[in-house]
Amino acid sequence: MTRSAFDQRKFDYLETFSSGEGKRVLDDLRLSYGDRISFDESHPDGQVTAFREGQRSVYLGILYLMDEAAQKRKRPTKADETVAGPEVVEGADQNE
């Protein structure tokens, strides 16, 4: 994959998960895989933990690609809203 194709893939993820439907899917992925502990003490052999960490890794990979594209576009993402709160509009009077 060329560098430009990799960058395009980042923007594709950002566009896909920035739509209303995409935000709902991303939120479902967060609830299902991102906000949970991967370790399962009922399966101490580690296979279930490894499987669950793999699922979580997919969610985190999507956030990473979206953040990379957003930095290039200077546009907030779902991950930004989760960590930083609501968007602040540049140039807006903060004293209003």
N, C-alpha and C. Protein backbone atom coordinates (compact mmCIF):
# COMPACT_ATOMS: atom_id res chain seq x y z
N MET A 1 0.86 -1.18 0.00
CA MET A 1 0.00 0.00 0.00
C MET A 1 0.90 1.24 0.00
N THR A 2 0.69 2.14 -0.93
CA THR A 2 1.50 3.36 -0.99
C THR A 2 1.11 4.30 0.13
N ARG A 3 1.94 5.25 0.37
CA ARG A 3 1.68 6.23 1.45
C ARG A 3 0.36 6.96 1.20
N SER A 4 0.11 7.37 -0.01
CA SER A 4 -1.12 8.09 -0.29
C SER A 4 -2.35 7.19 -0.12
N ALA A 5 -2.22 5.93 -0.43
CA ALA A 5 -3.34 5.00 -0.23
C ALA A 5 -3.60 4.81 1.26
N PHE A 6 -2.55 4.76 2.07
CA PHE A 6 -2.71 4.64 3.51
C PHE A 6 -3.38 5.88 4.08
N ASP A 7 -2.96 7.06 3.62
CA ASP A 7 -3.62 8.29 4.06
C ASP A 7 -5.09 8.31 3.65
N GLN A 8 -5.38 7.84 2.43
CA GLN A 8 -6.76 7.80 1.98
C GLN A 8 -7.59 6.89 2.87
N ARG A 9 -7.01 5.77 3.29
CA ARG A 9 -7.72 4.84 4.18
C ARG A 9 -8.06 5.53 5.50
N LYS A 10 -7.14 6.34 6.03
CA LYS A 10 -7.42 7.08 7.26
C LYS A 10 -8.62 8.00 7.07
N PHE A 11 -8.64 8.73 5.95
CA PHE A 11 -9.76 9.64 5.68
C PHE A 11 -11.06 8.87 5.45
N ASP A 12 -10.96 7.69 4.85
CA ASP A 12 -12.15 6.86 4.67
C ASP A 12 -12.75 6.45 6.02
N TYR A 13 -11.89 6.07 6.95
CA TYR A 13 -12.37 5.73 8.30
C TYR A 13 -13.01 6.95 8.95
N LEU A 14 -12.37 8.10 8.84
CA LEU A 14 -12.91 9.32 9.45
C LEU A 14 -14.27 9.65 8.87
N GLU A 15 -14.40 9.61 7.55
CA GLU A 15 -15.68 9.93 6.93
C GLU A 15 -16.75 8.91 7.30
N THR A 16 -16.40 7.64 7.27
CA THR A 16 -17.36 6.58 7.58
C THR A 16 -17.91 6.71 9.00
N PHE A 17 -17.01 6.90 9.96
CA PHE A 17 -17.43 6.92 11.36
C PHE A 17 -17.82 8.30 11.85
N SER A 18 -17.81 9.31 10.99
CA SER A 18 -18.28 10.65 11.35
C SER A 18 -19.74 10.86 10.99
N SER A 19 -20.29 9.97 10.18
CA SER A 19 -21.71 10.08 9.83
C SER A 19 -22.55 9.68 11.05
N GLY A 20 -23.83 9.96 11.01
CA GLY A 20 -24.71 9.58 12.11
C GLY A 20 -24.68 8.08 12.37
N GLU A 21 -24.77 7.32 11.29
CA GLU A 21 -24.74 5.87 11.42
C GLU A 21 -23.39 5.40 11.95
N GLY A 22 -22.32 5.99 11.41
CA GLY A 22 -20.98 5.62 11.84
C GLY A 22 -20.73 5.92 13.30
N LYS A 23 -21.25 7.05 13.78
CA LYS A 23 -21.10 7.39 15.19
C LYS A 23 -21.81 6.38 16.08
N ARG A 24 -22.98 5.92 15.62
CA ARG A 24 -23.71 4.91 16.40
C ARG A 24 -22.94 3.59 16.43
N VAL A 25 -22.38 3.19 15.30
CA VAL A 25 -21.59 1.96 15.24
C VAL A 25 -20.35 2.09 16.11
N LEU A 26 -19.67 3.23 16.02
CA LEU A 26 -18.47 3.45 16.83
C LEU A 26 -18.80 3.42 18.31
N ASP A 27 -19.92 3.99 18.68
CA ASP A 27 -20.34 3.96 20.08
C ASP A 27 -20.63 2.53 20.52
N ASP A 28 -21.25 1.73 19.65
CA ASP A 28 -21.51 0.33 19.97
C ASP A 28 -20.20 -0.44 20.13
N LEU A 29 -19.23 -0.17 19.27
CA LEU A 29 -17.92 -0.81 19.40
C LEU A 29 -17.25 -0.43 20.72
N ARG A 30 -17.38 0.85 21.09
CA ARG A 30 -16.81 1.31 22.36
C ARG A 30 -17.45 0.57 23.53
N LEU A 31 -18.77 0.48 23.52
CA LEU A 31 -19.46 -0.20 24.61
C LEU A 31 -19.14 -1.70 24.64
N SER A 32 -19.03 -2.30 23.46
CA SER A 32 -18.80 -3.74 23.38
C SER A 32 -17.35 -4.14 23.65
N TYR A 33 -16.41 -3.34 23.19
CA TYR A 33 -15.01 -3.76 23.22
C TYR A 33 -14.05 -2.75 23.86
N GLY A 34 -14.38 -1.47 23.81
CA GLY A 34 -13.44 -0.46 24.28
C GLY A 34 -13.46 -0.20 25.76
N ASP A 35 -14.63 -0.30 26.37
CA ASP A 35 -14.78 0.05 27.78
C ASP A 35 -14.92 -1.19 28.65
N ARG A 36 -14.15 -2.19 28.37
CA ARG A 36 -14.22 -3.40 29.18
C ARG A 36 -12.82 -3.91 29.49
N ILE A 37 -12.73 -4.71 30.50
CA ILE A 37 -11.48 -5.34 30.87
C ILE A 37 -11.33 -6.60 30.02
N SER A 38 -10.19 -6.77 29.42
CA SER A 38 -9.98 -7.93 28.55
C SER A 38 -9.77 -9.22 29.35
N PHE A 39 -9.24 -9.10 30.56
CA PHE A 39 -8.97 -10.28 31.37
C PHE A 39 -10.27 -10.92 31.84
N ASP A 40 -10.34 -12.25 31.72
CA ASP A 40 -11.49 -13.02 32.19
C ASP A 40 -10.97 -14.08 33.16
N GLU A 41 -11.18 -13.86 34.45
CA GLU A 41 -10.62 -14.76 35.46
C GLU A 41 -11.24 -16.16 35.42
N SER A 42 -12.38 -16.30 34.75
CA SER A 42 -12.97 -17.65 34.64
C SER A 42 -12.22 -18.50 33.61
N HIS A 43 -11.34 -17.87 32.83
CA HIS A 43 -10.50 -18.57 31.85
C HIS A 43 -9.04 -18.17 32.08
N PRO A 44 -8.41 -18.74 33.11
CA PRO A 44 -7.05 -18.30 33.47
C PRO A 44 -5.96 -18.68 32.48
N ASP A 45 -6.27 -19.48 31.46
CA ASP A 45 -5.23 -19.90 30.52
C ASP A 45 -4.81 -18.78 29.57
N GLY A 46 -5.54 -17.70 29.51
CA GLY A 46 -5.15 -16.54 28.71
C GLY A 46 -5.73 -16.50 27.31
N GLN A 47 -6.31 -17.57 26.83
CA GLN A 47 -6.83 -17.55 25.46
C GLN A 47 -8.01 -16.60 25.32
N VAL A 48 -8.90 -16.58 26.28
CA VAL A 48 -10.05 -15.68 26.21
C VAL A 48 -9.58 -14.23 26.34
N THR A 49 -8.62 -14.01 27.22
CA THR A 49 -8.06 -12.66 27.38
C THR A 49 -7.44 -12.19 26.08
N ALA A 50 -6.66 -13.04 25.44
CA ALA A 50 -6.03 -12.68 24.17
C ALA A 50 -7.08 -12.39 23.09
N PHE A 51 -8.12 -13.20 23.03
CA PHE A 51 -9.18 -13.00 22.05
C PHE A 51 -9.87 -11.65 22.29
N ARG A 52 -10.22 -11.37 23.56
CA ARG A 52 -10.91 -10.13 23.88
C ARG A 52 -10.01 -8.91 23.65
N GLU A 53 -8.73 -9.06 23.90
CA GLU A 53 -7.80 -7.95 23.66
C GLU A 53 -7.68 -7.70 22.16
N GLY A 54 -7.78 -8.75 21.36
CA GLY A 54 -7.78 -8.58 19.90
C GLY A 54 -8.99 -7.80 19.43
N GLN A 55 -10.16 -8.09 20.01
CA GLN A 55 -11.36 -7.33 19.66
C GLN A 55 -11.18 -5.85 20.03
N ARG A 56 -10.67 -5.61 21.22
CA ARG A 56 -10.45 -4.23 21.70
C ARG A 56 -9.44 -3.51 20.80
N SER A 57 -8.45 -4.25 20.34
CA SER A 57 -7.43 -3.67 19.47
C SER A 57 -8.01 -3.15 18.16
N VAL A 58 -9.02 -3.82 17.62
CA VAL A 58 -9.67 -3.35 16.39
C VAL A 58 -10.32 -1.99 16.64
N TYR A 59 -11.06 -1.87 17.73
CA TYR A 59 -11.70 -0.60 18.09
C TYR A 59 -10.65 0.51 18.25
N LEU A 60 -9.58 0.22 18.98
CA LEU A 60 -8.53 1.22 19.19
C LEU A 60 -7.83 1.58 17.87
N GLY A 61 -7.70 0.63 16.97
CA GLY A 61 -7.11 0.90 15.67
C GLY A 61 -7.95 1.85 14.84
N ILE A 62 -9.26 1.70 14.91
CA ILE A 62 -10.17 2.61 14.20
C ILE A 62 -10.01 4.02 14.76
N LEU A 63 -9.98 4.14 16.09
CA LEU A 63 -9.80 5.47 16.70
C LEU A 63 -8.48 6.10 16.28
N TYR A 64 -7.43 5.29 16.22
CA TYR A 64 -6.12 5.79 15.82
C TYR A 64 -6.15 6.34 14.40
N LEU A 65 -6.72 5.58 13.47
CA LEU A 65 -6.79 6.04 12.08
C LEU A 65 -7.62 7.32 11.95
N MET A 66 -8.72 7.38 12.69
CA MET A 66 -9.56 8.58 12.66
C MET A 66 -8.81 9.79 13.21
N ASP A 67 -8.09 9.59 14.30
CA ASP A 67 -7.33 10.69 14.89
C ASP A 67 -6.23 11.19 13.95
N GLU A 68 -5.56 10.26 13.28
CA GLU A 68 -4.52 10.64 12.32
C GLU A 68 -5.10 11.50 11.20
N ALA A 69 -6.24 11.08 10.66
CA ALA A 69 -6.87 11.85 9.58
C ALA A 69 -7.37 13.19 10.09
N ALA A 70 -7.93 13.21 11.30
CA ALA A 70 -8.46 14.46 11.86
C ALA A 70 -7.34 15.46 12.09
N GLN A 71 -6.18 14.99 12.51
CA GLN A 71 -5.06 15.91 12.71
C GLN A 71 -4.63 16.55 11.40
N LYS A 72 -4.70 15.77 10.34
CA LYS A 72 -4.35 16.33 9.02
C LYS A 72 -5.39 17.35 8.56
N ARG A 73 -6.64 17.10 8.92
CA ARG A 73 -7.73 18.00 8.53
C ARG A 73 -8.04 19.04 9.60
N LYS A 74 -7.47 18.88 10.77
CA LYS A 74 -7.75 19.77 11.91
C LYS A 74 -9.23 19.75 12.25
N ARG A 75 -9.78 18.54 12.31
CA ARG A 75 -11.20 18.34 12.55
C ARG A 75 -11.38 17.40 13.73
N PRO A 76 -12.27 17.71 14.68
CA PRO A 76 -12.45 16.83 15.83
C PRO A 76 -13.09 15.50 15.45
N THR A 77 -12.83 14.47 16.24
CA THR A 77 -13.40 13.15 16.01
C THR A 77 -14.21 12.71 17.22
N LYS A 78 -14.85 11.59 17.09
CA LYS A 78 -15.59 10.99 18.21
C LYS A 78 -14.64 10.77 19.38
N ALA A 79 -13.43 10.33 19.10
CA ALA A 79 -12.46 10.11 20.17
C ALA A 79 -12.15 11.42 20.88
N ASP A 80 -12.06 12.53 20.14
CA ASP A 80 -11.80 13.83 20.76
C ASP A 80 -12.94 14.21 21.69
N GLU A 81 -14.17 13.99 21.26
CA GLU A 81 -15.33 14.34 22.08
C GLU A 81 -15.35 13.53 23.36
N THR A 82 -14.97 12.28 23.27
CA THR A 82 -14.98 11.41 24.44
C THR A 82 -13.96 11.88 25.46
N VAL A 83 -12.78 12.29 25.00
CA VAL A 83 -11.70 12.68 25.89
C VAL A 83 -11.80 14.15 26.29
N ALA A 84 -12.08 15.03 25.32
CA ALA A 84 -11.97 16.47 25.57
C ALA A 84 -13.30 17.16 25.81
N GLY A 85 -14.41 16.50 25.60
CA GLY A 85 -15.70 17.15 25.76
C GLY A 85 -16.16 17.75 24.46
N PRO A 86 -17.19 18.62 24.50
CA PRO A 86 -17.75 19.20 23.29
C PRO A 86 -16.73 20.05 22.53
N GLU A 87 -16.99 20.19 21.25
CA GLU A 87 -16.11 20.95 20.37
C GLU A 87 -16.16 22.43 20.71
N VAL A 88 -14.99 23.06 20.68
CA VAL A 88 -14.89 24.51 20.84
C VAL A 88 -14.58 25.08 19.47
N VAL A 89 -15.38 26.03 19.03
CA VAL A 89 -15.21 26.62 17.72
C VAL A 89 -14.09 27.65 17.79
N GLU A 90 -13.10 27.50 16.93
CA GLU A 90 -11.99 28.43 16.88
C GLU A 90 -12.49 29.81 16.46
N GLY A 91 -11.99 30.83 17.12
CA GLY A 91 -12.35 32.19 16.77
C GLY A 91 -13.63 32.67 17.45
N ALA A 92 -14.35 31.77 18.10
CA ALA A 92 -15.58 32.17 18.77
C ALA A 92 -15.23 32.86 20.08
N ASP A 93 -16.03 33.85 20.44
CA ASP A 93 -15.81 34.57 21.69
C ASP A 93 -16.19 33.64 22.86
N GLN A 94 -15.22 33.28 23.69
CA GLN A 94 -15.44 32.36 24.78
C GLN A 94 -16.14 33.00 25.97
N ASN A 95 -16.29 34.34 25.96
CA ASN A 95 -16.91 35.06 27.08
C ASN A 95 -18.41 35.23 26.92
N GLU A 96 -18.97 34.75 25.84
CA GLU A 96 -20.40 34.92 25.61
C GLU A 96 -21.19 33.97 26.45
